[in-house]
Amino acid sequence: KIAEGTPAEVQRDPRVIAAYLGVP
């Protein structure tokens, strides 16, 4: 689990963006 929170919080999380886009 790399992130958890409200939808808005998760959308802004850099770890989530990295996991989906494949960038550090």
PDBML (XML) file of the C-alpha atoms, coordinates in Angstrom:
<?xml version="1.0" encoding="UTF-8" ?>
<PDBx:datablock datablockName="MODEL"
   xmlns:PDBx="http://pdbml.pdb.org/schema/pdbx-v50.xsd"
   xmlns:xsi="http://www.w3.org/2001/XMLSchema-instance"
   xsi:schemaLocation="http://pdbml.pdb.org/schema/pdbx-v50.xsd pdbx-v50.xsd">
   <PDBx:atom_siteCategory>
      <PDBx:atom_site id="1">
         <PDBx:B_iso_or_equiv>0.00</PDBx:B_iso_or_equiv>
         <PDBx:Cartn_x>0.000</PDBx:Cartn_x>
         <PDBx:Cartn_y>0.000</PDBx:Cartn_y>
         <PDBx:Cartn_z>0.000</PDBx:Cartn_z>
         <PDBx:auth_asym_id>A</PDBx:auth_asym_id>
         <PDBx:auth_atom_id>CA</PDBx:auth_atom_id>
         <PDBx:auth_comp_id>LYS</PDBx:auth_comp_id>
         <PDBx:auth_seq_id>1</PDBx:auth_seq_id>
         <PDBx:group_PDB>ATOM</PDBx:group_PDB>
         <PDBx:label_alt_id xsi:nil="true" />
         <PDBx:label_asym_id>A</PDBx:label_asym_id>
         <PDBx:label_atom_id>CA</PDBx:label_atom_id>
         <PDBx:label_comp_id>LYS</PDBx:label_comp_id>
         <PDBx:label_entity_id>1</PDBx:label_entity_id>
         <PDBx:label_seq_id>1</PDBx:label_seq_id>
         <PDBx:occupancy>1.00</PDBx:occupancy>
         <PDBx:pdbx_PDB_model_num>1</PDBx:pdbx_PDB_model_num>
         <PDBx:type_symbol>C</PDBx:type_symbol>
      </PDBx:atom_site>
      <PDBx:atom_site id="2">
         <PDBx:B_iso_or_equiv>0.00</PDBx:B_iso_or_equiv>
         <PDBx:Cartn_x>1.627</PDBx:Cartn_x>
         <PDBx:Cartn_y>3.215</PDBx:Cartn_y>
         <PDBx:Cartn_z>-1.156</PDBx:Cartn_z>
         <PDBx:auth_asym_id>A</PDBx:auth_asym_id>
         <PDBx:auth_atom_id>CA</PDBx:auth_atom_id>
         <PDBx:auth_comp_id>ILE</PDBx:auth_comp_id>
         <PDBx:auth_seq_id>2</PDBx:auth_seq_id>
         <PDBx:group_PDB>ATOM</PDBx:group_PDB>
         <PDBx:label_alt_id xsi:nil="true" />
         <PDBx:label_asym_id>A</PDBx:label_asym_id>
         <PDBx:label_atom_id>CA</PDBx:label_atom_id>
         <PDBx:label_comp_id>ILE</PDBx:label_comp_id>
         <PDBx:label_entity_id>1</PDBx:label_entity_id>
         <PDBx:label_seq_id>2</PDBx:label_seq_id>
         <PDBx:occupancy>1.00</PDBx:occupancy>
         <PDBx:pdbx_PDB_model_num>1</PDBx:pdbx_PDB_model_num>
         <PDBx:type_symbol>C</PDBx:type_symbol>
      </PDBx:atom_site>
      <PDBx:atom_site id="3">
         <PDBx:B_iso_or_equiv>0.00</PDBx:B_iso_or_equiv>
         <PDBx:Cartn_x>-1.175</PDBx:Cartn_x>
         <PDBx:Cartn_y>5.671</PDBx:Cartn_y>
         <PDBx:Cartn_z>-0.380</PDBx:Cartn_z>
         <PDBx:auth_asym_id>A</PDBx:auth_asym_id>
         <PDBx:auth_atom_id>CA</PDBx:auth_atom_id>
         <PDBx:auth_comp_id>ALA</PDBx:auth_comp_id>
         <PDBx:auth_seq_id>3</PDBx:auth_seq_id>
         <PDBx:group_PDB>ATOM</PDBx:group_PDB>
         <PDBx:label_alt_id xsi:nil="true" />
         <PDBx:label_asym_id>A</PDBx:label_asym_id>
         <PDBx:label_atom_id>CA</PDBx:label_atom_id>
         <PDBx:label_comp_id>ALA</PDBx:label_comp_id>
         <PDBx:label_entity_id>1</PDBx:label_entity_id>
         <PDBx:label_seq_id>3</PDBx:label_seq_id>
         <PDBx:occupancy>1.00</PDBx:occupancy>
         <PDBx:pdbx_PDB_model_num>1</PDBx:pdbx_PDB_model_num>
         <PDBx:type_symbol>C</PDBx:type_symbol>
      </PDBx:atom_site>
      <PDBx:atom_site id="4">
         <PDBx:B_iso_or_equiv>0.00</PDBx:B_iso_or_equiv>
         <PDBx:Cartn_x>-4.564</PDBx:Cartn_x>
         <PDBx:Cartn_y>6.011</PDBx:Cartn_y>
         <PDBx:Cartn_z>1.275</PDBx:Cartn_z>
         <PDBx:auth_asym_id>A</PDBx:auth_asym_id>
         <PDBx:auth_atom_id>CA</PDBx:auth_atom_id>
         <PDBx:auth_comp_id>GLU</PDBx:auth_comp_id>
         <PDBx:auth_seq_id>4</PDBx:auth_seq_id>
         <PDBx:group_PDB>ATOM</PDBx:group_PDB>
         <PDBx:label_alt_id xsi:nil="true" />
         <PDBx:label_asym_id>A</PDBx:label_asym_id>
         <PDBx:label_atom_id>CA</PDBx:label_atom_id>
         <PDBx:label_comp_id>GLU</PDBx:label_comp_id>
         <PDBx:label_entity_id>1</PDBx:label_entity_id>
         <PDBx:label_seq_id>4</PDBx:label_seq_id>
         <PDBx:occupancy>1.00</PDBx:occupancy>
         <PDBx:pdbx_PDB_model_num>1</PDBx:pdbx_PDB_model_num>
         <PDBx:type_symbol>C</PDBx:type_symbol>
      </PDBx:atom_site>
      <PDBx:atom_site id="5">
         <PDBx:B_iso_or_equiv>0.00</PDBx:B_iso_or_equiv>
         <PDBx:Cartn_x>-6.939</PDBx:Cartn_x>
         <PDBx:Cartn_y>8.911</PDBx:Cartn_y>
         <PDBx:Cartn_z>1.799</PDBx:Cartn_z>
         <PDBx:auth_asym_id>A</PDBx:auth_asym_id>
         <PDBx:auth_atom_id>CA</PDBx:auth_atom_id>
         <PDBx:auth_comp_id>GLY</PDBx:auth_comp_id>
         <PDBx:auth_seq_id>5</PDBx:auth_seq_id>
         <PDBx:group_PDB>ATOM</PDBx:group_PDB>
         <PDBx:label_alt_id xsi:nil="true" />
         <PDBx:label_asym_id>A</PDBx:label_asym_id>
         <PDBx:label_atom_id>CA</PDBx:label_atom_id>
         <PDBx:label_comp_id>GLY</PDBx:label_comp_id>
         <PDBx:label_entity_id>1</PDBx:label_entity_id>
         <PDBx:label_seq_id>5</PDBx:label_seq_id>
         <PDBx:occupancy>1.00</PDBx:occupancy>
         <PDBx:pdbx_PDB_model_num>1</PDBx:pdbx_PDB_model_num>
         <PDBx:type_symbol>C</PDBx:type_symbol>
      </PDBx:atom_site>
      <PDBx:atom_site id="6">
         <PDBx:B_iso_or_equiv>0.00</PDBx:B_iso_or_equiv>
         <PDBx:Cartn_x>-9.841</PDBx:Cartn_x>
         <PDBx:Cartn_y>10.769</PDBx:Cartn_y>
         <PDBx:Cartn_z>0.296</PDBx:Cartn_z>
         <PDBx:auth_asym_id>A</PDBx:auth_asym_id>
         <PDBx:auth_atom_id>CA</PDBx:auth_atom_id>
         <PDBx:auth_comp_id>THR</PDBx:auth_comp_id>
         <PDBx:auth_seq_id>6</PDBx:auth_seq_id>
         <PDBx:group_PDB>ATOM</PDBx:group_PDB>
         <PDBx:label_alt_id xsi:nil="true" />
         <PDBx:label_asym_id>A</PDBx:label_asym_id>
         <PDBx:label_atom_id>CA</PDBx:label_atom_id>
         <PDBx:label_comp_id>THR</PDBx:label_comp_id>
         <PDBx:label_entity_id>1</PDBx:label_entity_id>
         <PDBx:label_seq_id>6</PDBx:label_seq_id>
         <PDBx:occupancy>1.00</PDBx:occupancy>
         <PDBx:pdbx_PDB_model_num>1</PDBx:pdbx_PDB_model_num>
         <PDBx:type_symbol>C</PDBx:type_symbol>
      </PDBx:atom_site>
      <PDBx:atom_site id="7">
         <PDBx:B_iso_or_equiv>0.00</PDBx:B_iso_or_equiv>
         <PDBx:Cartn_x>-10.121</PDBx:Cartn_x>
         <PDBx:Cartn_y>10.723</PDBx:Cartn_y>
         <PDBx:Cartn_z>-3.495</PDBx:Cartn_z>
         <PDBx:auth_asym_id>A</PDBx:auth_asym_id>
         <PDBx:auth_atom_id>CA</PDBx:auth_atom_id>
         <PDBx:auth_comp_id>PRO</PDBx:auth_comp_id>
         <PDBx:auth_seq_id>7</PDBx:auth_seq_id>
         <PDBx:group_PDB>ATOM</PDBx:group_PDB>
         <PDBx:label_alt_id xsi:nil="true" />
         <PDBx:label_asym_id>A</PDBx:label_asym_id>
         <PDBx:label_atom_id>CA</PDBx:label_atom_id>
         <PDBx:label_comp_id>PRO</PDBx:label_comp_id>
         <PDBx:label_entity_id>1</PDBx:label_entity_id>
         <PDBx:label_seq_id>7</PDBx:label_seq_id>
         <PDBx:occupancy>1.00</PDBx:occupancy>
         <PDBx:pdbx_PDB_model_num>1</PDBx:pdbx_PDB_model_num>
         <PDBx:type_symbol>C</PDBx:type_symbol>
      </PDBx:atom_site>
      <PDBx:atom_site id="8">
         <PDBx:B_iso_or_equiv>0.00</PDBx:B_iso_or_equiv>
         <PDBx:Cartn_x>-8.703</PDBx:Cartn_x>
         <PDBx:Cartn_y>14.255</PDBx:Cartn_y>
         <PDBx:Cartn_z>-3.677</PDBx:Cartn_z>
         <PDBx:auth_asym_id>A</PDBx:auth_asym_id>
         <PDBx:auth_atom_id>CA</PDBx:auth_atom_id>
         <PDBx:auth_comp_id>ALA</PDBx:auth_comp_id>
         <PDBx:auth_seq_id>8</PDBx:auth_seq_id>
         <PDBx:group_PDB>ATOM</PDBx:group_PDB>
         <PDBx:label_alt_id xsi:nil="true" />
         <PDBx:label_asym_id>A</PDBx:label_asym_id>
         <PDBx:label_atom_id>CA</PDBx:label_atom_id>
         <PDBx:label_comp_id>ALA</PDBx:label_comp_id>
         <PDBx:label_entity_id>1</PDBx:label_entity_id>
         <PDBx:label_seq_id>8</PDBx:label_seq_id>
         <PDBx:occupancy>1.00</PDBx:occupancy>
         <PDBx:pdbx_PDB_model_num>1</PDBx:pdbx_PDB_model_num>
         <PDBx:type_symbol>C</PDBx:type_symbol>
      </PDBx:atom_site>
      <PDBx:atom_site id="9">
         <PDBx:B_iso_or_equiv>0.00</PDBx:B_iso_or_equiv>
         <PDBx:Cartn_x>-5.745</PDBx:Cartn_x>
         <PDBx:Cartn_y>13.359</PDBx:Cartn_y>
         <PDBx:Cartn_z>-1.464</PDBx:Cartn_z>
         <PDBx:auth_asym_id>A</PDBx:auth_asym_id>
         <PDBx:auth_atom_id>CA</PDBx:auth_atom_id>
         <PDBx:auth_comp_id>GLU</PDBx:auth_comp_id>
         <PDBx:auth_seq_id>9</PDBx:auth_seq_id>
         <PDBx:group_PDB>ATOM</PDBx:group_PDB>
         <PDBx:label_alt_id xsi:nil="true" />
         <PDBx:label_asym_id>A</PDBx:label_asym_id>
         <PDBx:label_atom_id>CA</PDBx:label_atom_id>
         <PDBx:label_comp_id>GLU</PDBx:label_comp_id>
         <PDBx:label_entity_id>1</PDBx:label_entity_id>
         <PDBx:label_seq_id>9</PDBx:label_seq_id>
         <PDBx:occupancy>1.00</PDBx:occupancy>
         <PDBx:pdbx_PDB_model_num>1</PDBx:pdbx_PDB_model_num>
         <PDBx:type_symbol>C</PDBx:type_symbol>
      </PDBx:atom_site>
      <PDBx:atom_site id="10">
         <PDBx:B_iso_or_equiv>0.00</PDBx:B_iso_or_equiv>
         <PDBx:Cartn_x>-4.915</PDBx:Cartn_x>
         <PDBx:Cartn_y>10.251</PDBx:Cartn_y>
         <PDBx:Cartn_z>-3.478</PDBx:Cartn_z>
         <PDBx:auth_asym_id>A</PDBx:auth_asym_id>
         <PDBx:auth_atom_id>CA</PDBx:auth_atom_id>
         <PDBx:auth_comp_id>VAL</PDBx:auth_comp_id>
         <PDBx:auth_seq_id>10</PDBx:auth_seq_id>
         <PDBx:group_PDB>ATOM</PDBx:group_PDB>
         <PDBx:label_alt_id xsi:nil="true" />
         <PDBx:label_asym_id>A</PDBx:label_asym_id>
         <PDBx:label_atom_id>CA</PDBx:label_atom_id>
         <PDBx:label_comp_id>VAL</PDBx:label_comp_id>
         <PDBx:label_entity_id>1</PDBx:label_entity_id>
         <PDBx:label_seq_id>10</PDBx:label_seq_id>
         <PDBx:occupancy>1.00</PDBx:occupancy>
         <PDBx:pdbx_PDB_model_num>1</PDBx:pdbx_PDB_model_num>
         <PDBx:type_symbol>C</PDBx:type_symbol>
      </PDBx:atom_site>
      <PDBx:atom_site id="11">
         <PDBx:B_iso_or_equiv>0.00</PDBx:B_iso_or_equiv>
         <PDBx:Cartn_x>-5.140</PDBx:Cartn_x>
         <PDBx:Cartn_y>12.081</PDBx:Cartn_y>
         <PDBx:Cartn_z>-6.796</PDBx:Cartn_z>
         <PDBx:auth_asym_id>A</PDBx:auth_asym_id>
         <PDBx:auth_atom_id>CA</PDBx:auth_atom_id>
         <PDBx:auth_comp_id>GLN</PDBx:auth_comp_id>
         <PDBx:auth_seq_id>11</PDBx:auth_seq_id>
         <PDBx:group_PDB>ATOM</PDBx:group_PDB>
         <PDBx:label_alt_id xsi:nil="true" />
         <PDBx:label_asym_id>A</PDBx:label_asym_id>
         <PDBx:label_atom_id>CA</PDBx:label_atom_id>
         <PDBx:label_comp_id>GLN</PDBx:label_comp_id>
         <PDBx:label_entity_id>1</PDBx:label_entity_id>
         <PDBx:label_seq_id>11</PDBx:label_seq_id>
         <PDBx:occupancy>1.00</PDBx:occupancy>
         <PDBx:pdbx_PDB_model_num>1</PDBx:pdbx_PDB_model_num>
         <PDBx:type_symbol>C</PDBx:type_symbol>
      </PDBx:atom_site>
      <PDBx:atom_site id="12">
         <PDBx:B_iso_or_equiv>0.00</PDBx:B_iso_or_equiv>
         <PDBx:Cartn_x>-2.488</PDBx:Cartn_x>
         <PDBx:Cartn_y>14.541</PDBx:Cartn_y>
         <PDBx:Cartn_z>-5.611</PDBx:Cartn_z>
         <PDBx:auth_asym_id>A</PDBx:auth_asym_id>
         <PDBx:auth_atom_id>CA</PDBx:auth_atom_id>
         <PDBx:auth_comp_id>ARG</PDBx:auth_comp_id>
         <PDBx:auth_seq_id>12</PDBx:auth_seq_id>
         <PDBx:group_PDB>ATOM</PDBx:group_PDB>
         <PDBx:label_alt_id xsi:nil="true" />
         <PDBx:label_asym_id>A</PDBx:label_asym_id>
         <PDBx:label_atom_id>CA</PDBx:label_atom_id>
         <PDBx:label_comp_id>ARG</PDBx:label_comp_id>
         <PDBx:label_entity_id>1</PDBx:label_entity_id>
         <PDBx:label_seq_id>12</PDBx:label_seq_id>
         <PDBx:occupancy>1.00</PDBx:occupancy>
         <PDBx:pdbx_PDB_model_num>1</PDBx:pdbx_PDB_model_num>
         <PDBx:type_symbol>C</PDBx:type_symbol>
      </PDBx:atom_site>
      <PDBx:atom_site id="13">
         <PDBx:B_iso_or_equiv>0.00</PDBx:B_iso_or_equiv>
         <PDBx:Cartn_x>-0.123</PDBx:Cartn_x>
         <PDBx:Cartn_y>11.954</PDBx:Cartn_y>
         <PDBx:Cartn_z>-4.122</PDBx:Cartn_z>
         <PDBx:auth_asym_id>A</PDBx:auth_asym_id>
         <PDBx:auth_atom_id>CA</PDBx:auth_atom_id>
         <PDBx:auth_comp_id>ASP</PDBx:auth_comp_id>
         <PDBx:auth_seq_id>13</PDBx:auth_seq_id>
         <PDBx:group_PDB>ATOM</PDBx:group_PDB>
         <PDBx:label_alt_id xsi:nil="true" />
         <PDBx:label_asym_id>A</PDBx:label_asym_id>
         <PDBx:label_atom_id>CA</PDBx:label_atom_id>
         <PDBx:label_comp_id>ASP</PDBx:label_comp_id>
         <PDBx:label_entity_id>1</PDBx:label_entity_id>
         <PDBx:label_seq_id>13</PDBx:label_seq_id>
         <PDBx:occupancy>1.00</PDBx:occupancy>
         <PDBx:pdbx_PDB_model_num>1</PDBx:pdbx_PDB_model_num>
         <PDBx:type_symbol>C</PDBx:type_symbol>
      </PDBx:atom_site>
      <PDBx:atom_site id="14">
         <PDBx:B_iso_or_equiv>0.00</PDBx:B_iso_or_equiv>
         <PDBx:Cartn_x>3.187</PDBx:Cartn_x>
         <PDBx:Cartn_y>11.851</PDBx:Cartn_y>
         <PDBx:Cartn_z>-6.067</PDBx:Cartn_z>
         <PDBx:auth_asym_id>A</PDBx:auth_asym_id>
         <PDBx:auth_atom_id>CA</PDBx:auth_atom_id>
         <PDBx:auth_comp_id>PRO</PDBx:auth_comp_id>
         <PDBx:auth_seq_id>14</PDBx:auth_seq_id>
         <PDBx:group_PDB>ATOM</PDBx:group_PDB>
         <PDBx:label_alt_id xsi:nil="true" />
         <PDBx:label_asym_id>A</PDBx:label_asym_id>
         <PDBx:label_atom_id>CA</PDBx:label_atom_id>
         <PDBx:label_comp_id>PRO</PDBx:label_comp_id>
         <PDBx:label_entity_id>1</PDBx:label_entity_id>
         <PDBx:label_seq_id>14</PDBx:label_seq_id>
         <PDBx:occupancy>1.00</PDBx:occupancy>
         <PDBx:pdbx_PDB_model_num>1</PDBx:pdbx_PDB_model_num>
         <PDBx:type_symbol>C</PDBx:type_symbol>
      </PDBx:atom_site>
      <PDBx:atom_site id="15">
         <PDBx:B_iso_or_equiv>0.00</PDBx:B_iso_or_equiv>
         <PDBx:Cartn_x>3.618</PDBx:Cartn_x>
         <PDBx:Cartn_y>8.137</PDBx:Cartn_y>
         <PDBx:Cartn_z>-5.306</PDBx:Cartn_z>
         <PDBx:auth_asym_id>A</PDBx:auth_asym_id>
         <PDBx:auth_atom_id>CA</PDBx:auth_atom_id>
         <PDBx:auth_comp_id>ARG</PDBx:auth_comp_id>
         <PDBx:auth_seq_id>15</PDBx:auth_seq_id>
         <PDBx:group_PDB>ATOM</PDBx:group_PDB>
         <PDBx:label_alt_id xsi:nil="true" />
         <PDBx:label_asym_id>A</PDBx:label_asym_id>
         <PDBx:label_atom_id>CA</PDBx:label_atom_id>
         <PDBx:label_comp_id>ARG</PDBx:label_comp_id>
         <PDBx:label_entity_id>1</PDBx:label_entity_id>
         <PDBx:label_seq_id>15</PDBx:label_seq_id>
         <PDBx:occupancy>1.00</PDBx:occupancy>
         <PDBx:pdbx_PDB_model_num>1</PDBx:pdbx_PDB_model_num>
         <PDBx:type_symbol>C</PDBx:type_symbol>
      </PDBx:atom_site>
      <PDBx:atom_site id="16">
         <PDBx:B_iso_or_equiv>0.00</PDBx:B_iso_or_equiv>
         <PDBx:Cartn_x>0.275</PDBx:Cartn_x>
         <PDBx:Cartn_y>7.361</PDBx:Cartn_y>
         <PDBx:Cartn_z>-6.934</PDBx:Cartn_z>
         <PDBx:auth_asym_id>A</PDBx:auth_asym_id>
         <PDBx:auth_atom_id>CA</PDBx:auth_atom_id>
         <PDBx:auth_comp_id>VAL</PDBx:auth_comp_id>
         <PDBx:auth_seq_id>16</PDBx:auth_seq_id>
         <PDBx:group_PDB>ATOM</PDBx:group_PDB>
         <PDBx:label_alt_id xsi:nil="true" />
         <PDBx:label_asym_id>A</PDBx:label_asym_id>
         <PDBx:label_atom_id>CA</PDBx:label_atom_id>
         <PDBx:label_comp_id>VAL</PDBx:label_comp_id>
         <PDBx:label_entity_id>1</PDBx:label_entity_id>
         <PDBx:label_seq_id>16</PDBx:label_seq_id>
         <PDBx:occupancy>1.00</PDBx:occupancy>
         <PDBx:pdbx_PDB_model_num>1</PDBx:pdbx_PDB_model_num>
         <PDBx:type_symbol>C</PDBx:type_symbol>
      </PDBx:atom_site>
      <PDBx:atom_site id="17">
         <PDBx:B_iso_or_equiv>0.00</PDBx:B_iso_or_equiv>
         <PDBx:Cartn_x>1.075</PDBx:Cartn_x>
         <PDBx:Cartn_y>9.451</PDBx:Cartn_y>
         <PDBx:Cartn_z>-9.998</PDBx:Cartn_z>
         <PDBx:auth_asym_id>A</PDBx:auth_asym_id>
         <PDBx:auth_atom_id>CA</PDBx:auth_atom_id>
         <PDBx:auth_comp_id>ILE</PDBx:auth_comp_id>
         <PDBx:auth_seq_id>17</PDBx:auth_seq_id>
         <PDBx:group_PDB>ATOM</PDBx:group_PDB>
         <PDBx:label_alt_id xsi:nil="true" />
         <PDBx:label_asym_id>A</PDBx:label_asym_id>
         <PDBx:label_atom_id>CA</PDBx:label_atom_id>
         <PDBx:label_comp_id>ILE</PDBx:label_comp_id>
         <PDBx:label_entity_id>1</PDBx:label_entity_id>
         <PDBx:label_seq_id>17</PDBx:label_seq_id>
         <PDBx:occupancy>1.00</PDBx:occupancy>
         <PDBx:pdbx_PDB_model_num>1</PDBx:pdbx_PDB_model_num>
         <PDBx:type_symbol>C</PDBx:type_symbol>
      </PDBx:atom_site>
      <PDBx:atom_site id="18">
         <PDBx:B_iso_or_equiv>0.00</PDBx:B_iso_or_equiv>
         <PDBx:Cartn_x>4.439</PDBx:Cartn_x>
         <PDBx:Cartn_y>7.696</PDBx:Cartn_y>
         <PDBx:Cartn_z>-10.275</PDBx:Cartn_z>
         <PDBx:auth_asym_id>A</PDBx:auth_asym_id>
         <PDBx:auth_atom_id>CA</PDBx:auth_atom_id>
         <PDBx:auth_comp_id>ALA</PDBx:auth_comp_id>
         <PDBx:auth_seq_id>18</PDBx:auth_seq_id>
         <PDBx:group_PDB>ATOM</PDBx:group_PDB>
         <PDBx:label_alt_id xsi:nil="true" />
         <PDBx:label_asym_id>A</PDBx:label_asym_id>
         <PDBx:label_atom_id>CA</PDBx:label_atom_id>
         <PDBx:label_comp_id>ALA</PDBx:label_comp_id>
         <PDBx:label_entity_id>1</PDBx:label_entity_id>
         <PDBx:label_seq_id>18</PDBx:label_seq_id>
         <PDBx:occupancy>1.00</PDBx:occupancy>
         <PDBx:pdbx_PDB_model_num>1</PDBx:pdbx_PDB_model_num>
         <PDBx:type_symbol>C</PDBx:type_symbol>
      </PDBx:atom_site>
      <PDBx:atom_site id="19">
         <PDBx:B_iso_or_equiv>0.00</PDBx:B_iso_or_equiv>
         <PDBx:Cartn_x>2.867</PDBx:Cartn_x>
         <PDBx:Cartn_y>4.235</PDBx:Cartn_y>
         <PDBx:Cartn_z>-9.985</PDBx:Cartn_z>
         <PDBx:auth_asym_id>A</PDBx:auth_asym_id>
         <PDBx:auth_atom_id>CA</PDBx:auth_atom_id>
         <PDBx:auth_comp_id>ALA</PDBx:auth_comp_id>
         <PDBx:auth_seq_id>19</PDBx:auth_seq_id>
         <PDBx:group_PDB>ATOM</PDBx:group_PDB>
         <PDBx:label_alt_id xsi:nil="true" />
         <PDBx:label_asym_id>A</PDBx:label_asym_id>
         <PDBx:label_atom_id>CA</PDBx:label_atom_id>
         <PDBx:label_comp_id>ALA</PDBx:label_comp_id>
         <PDBx:label_entity_id>1</PDBx:label_entity_id>
         <PDBx:label_seq_id>19</PDBx:label_seq_id>
         <PDBx:occupancy>1.00</PDBx:occupancy>
         <PDBx:pdbx_PDB_model_num>1</PDBx:pdbx_PDB_model_num>
         <PDBx:type_symbol>C</PDBx:type_symbol>
      </PDBx:atom_site>
      <PDBx:atom_site id="20">
         <PDBx:B_iso_or_equiv>0.00</PDBx:B_iso_or_equiv>
         <PDBx:Cartn_x>0.414</PDBx:Cartn_x>
         <PDBx:Cartn_y>4.935</PDBx:Cartn_y>
         <PDBx:Cartn_z>-12.809</PDBx:Cartn_z>
         <PDBx:auth_asym_id>A</PDBx:auth_asym_id>
         <PDBx:auth_atom_id>CA</PDBx:auth_atom_id>
         <PDBx:auth_comp_id>TYR</PDBx:auth_comp_id>
         <PDBx:auth_seq_id>20</PDBx:auth_seq_id>
         <PDBx:group_PDB>ATOM</PDBx:group_PDB>
         <PDBx:label_alt_id xsi:nil="true" />
         <PDBx:label_asym_id>A</PDBx:label_asym_id>
         <PDBx:label_atom_id>CA</PDBx:label_atom_id>
         <PDBx:label_comp_id>TYR</PDBx:label_comp_id>
         <PDBx:label_entity_id>1</PDBx:label_entity_id>
         <PDBx:label_seq_id>20</PDBx:label_seq_id>
         <PDBx:occupancy>1.00</PDBx:occupancy>
         <PDBx:pdbx_PDB_model_num>1</PDBx:pdbx_PDB_model_num>
         <PDBx:type_symbol>C</PDBx:type_symbol>
      </PDBx:atom_site>
      <PDBx:atom_site id="21">
         <PDBx:B_iso_or_equiv>0.00</PDBx:B_iso_or_equiv>
         <PDBx:Cartn_x>2.744</PDBx:Cartn_x>
         <PDBx:Cartn_y>6.878</PDBx:Cartn_y>
         <PDBx:Cartn_z>-15.091</PDBx:Cartn_z>
         <PDBx:auth_asym_id>A</PDBx:auth_asym_id>
         <PDBx:auth_atom_id>CA</PDBx:auth_atom_id>
         <PDBx:auth_comp_id>LEU</PDBx:auth_comp_id>
         <PDBx:auth_seq_id>21</PDBx:auth_seq_id>
         <PDBx:group_PDB>ATOM</PDBx:group_PDB>
         <PDBx:label_alt_id xsi:nil="true" />
         <PDBx:label_asym_id>A</PDBx:label_asym_id>
         <PDBx:label_atom_id>CA</PDBx:label_atom_id>
         <PDBx:label_comp_id>LEU</PDBx:label_comp_id>
         <PDBx:label_entity_id>1</PDBx:label_entity_id>
         <PDBx:label_seq_id>21</PDBx:label_seq_id>
         <PDBx:occupancy>1.00</PDBx:occupancy>
         <PDBx:pdbx_PDB_model_num>1</PDBx:pdbx_PDB_model_num>
         <PDBx:type_symbol>C</PDBx:type_symbol>
      </PDBx:atom_site>
      <PDBx:atom_site id="22">
         <PDBx:B_iso_or_equiv>0.00</PDBx:B_iso_or_equiv>
         <PDBx:Cartn_x>5.871</PDBx:Cartn_x>
         <PDBx:Cartn_y>4.841</PDBx:Cartn_y>
         <PDBx:Cartn_z>-14.419</PDBx:Cartn_z>
         <PDBx:auth_asym_id>A</PDBx:auth_asym_id>
         <PDBx:auth_atom_id>CA</PDBx:auth_atom_id>
         <PDBx:auth_comp_id>GLY</PDBx:auth_comp_id>
         <PDBx:auth_seq_id>22</PDBx:auth_seq_id>
         <PDBx:group_PDB>ATOM</PDBx:group_PDB>
         <PDBx:label_alt_id xsi:nil="true" />
         <PDBx:label_asym_id>A</PDBx:label_asym_id>
         <PDBx:label_atom_id>CA</PDBx:label_atom_id>
         <PDBx:label_comp_id>GLY</PDBx:label_comp_id>
         <PDBx:label_entity_id>1</PDBx:label_entity_id>
         <PDBx:label_seq_id>22</PDBx:label_seq_id>
         <PDBx:occupancy>1.00</PDBx:occupancy>
         <PDBx:pdbx_PDB_model_num>1</PDBx:pdbx_PDB_model_num>
         <PDBx:type_symbol>C</PDBx:type_symbol>
      </PDBx:atom_site>
      <PDBx:atom_site id="23">
         <PDBx:B_iso_or_equiv>0.00</PDBx:B_iso_or_equiv>
         <PDBx:Cartn_x>8.067</PDBx:Cartn_x>
         <PDBx:Cartn_y>7.792</PDBx:Cartn_y>
         <PDBx:Cartn_z>-13.408</PDBx:Cartn_z>
         <PDBx:auth_asym_id>A</PDBx:auth_asym_id>
         <PDBx:auth_atom_id>CA</PDBx:auth_atom_id>
         <PDBx:auth_comp_id>VAL</PDBx:auth_comp_id>
         <PDBx:auth_seq_id>23</PDBx:auth_seq_id>
         <PDBx:group_PDB>ATOM</PDBx:group_PDB>
         <PDBx:label_alt_id xsi:nil="true" />
         <PDBx:label_asym_id>A</PDBx:label_asym_id>
         <PDBx:label_atom_id>CA</PDBx:label_atom_id>
         <PDBx:label_comp_id>VAL</PDBx:label_comp_id>
         <PDBx:label_entity_id>1</PDBx:label_entity_id>
         <PDBx:label_seq_id>23</PDBx:label_seq_id>
         <PDBx:occupancy>1.00</PDBx:occupancy>
         <PDBx:pdbx_PDB_model_num>1</PDBx:pdbx_PDB_model_num>
         <PDBx:type_symbol>C</PDBx:type_symbol>
      </PDBx:atom_site>
      <PDBx:atom_site id="24">
         <PDBx:B_iso_or_equiv>0.00</PDBx:B_iso_or_equiv>
         <PDBx:Cartn_x>9.961</PDBx:Cartn_x>
         <PDBx:Cartn_y>8.389</PDBx:Cartn_y>
         <PDBx:Cartn_z>-10.156</PDBx:Cartn_z>
         <PDBx:auth_asym_id>A</PDBx:auth_asym_id>
         <PDBx:auth_atom_id>CA</PDBx:auth_atom_id>
         <PDBx:auth_comp_id>PRO</PDBx:auth_comp_id>
         <PDBx:auth_seq_id>24</PDBx:auth_seq_id>
         <PDBx:group_PDB>ATOM</PDBx:group_PDB>
         <PDBx:label_alt_id xsi:nil="true" />
         <PDBx:label_asym_id>A</PDBx:label_asym_id>
         <PDBx:label_atom_id>CA</PDBx:label_atom_id>
         <PDBx:label_comp_id>PRO</PDBx:label_comp_id>
         <PDBx:label_entity_id>1</PDBx:label_entity_id>
         <PDBx:label_seq_id>24</PDBx:label_seq_id>
         <PDBx:occupancy>1.00</PDBx:occupancy>
         <PDBx:pdbx_PDB_model_num>1</PDBx:pdbx_PDB_model_num>
         <PDBx:type_symbol>C</PDBx:type_symbol>
      </PDBx:atom_site>
   </PDBx:atom_siteCategory>
</PDBx:datablock>
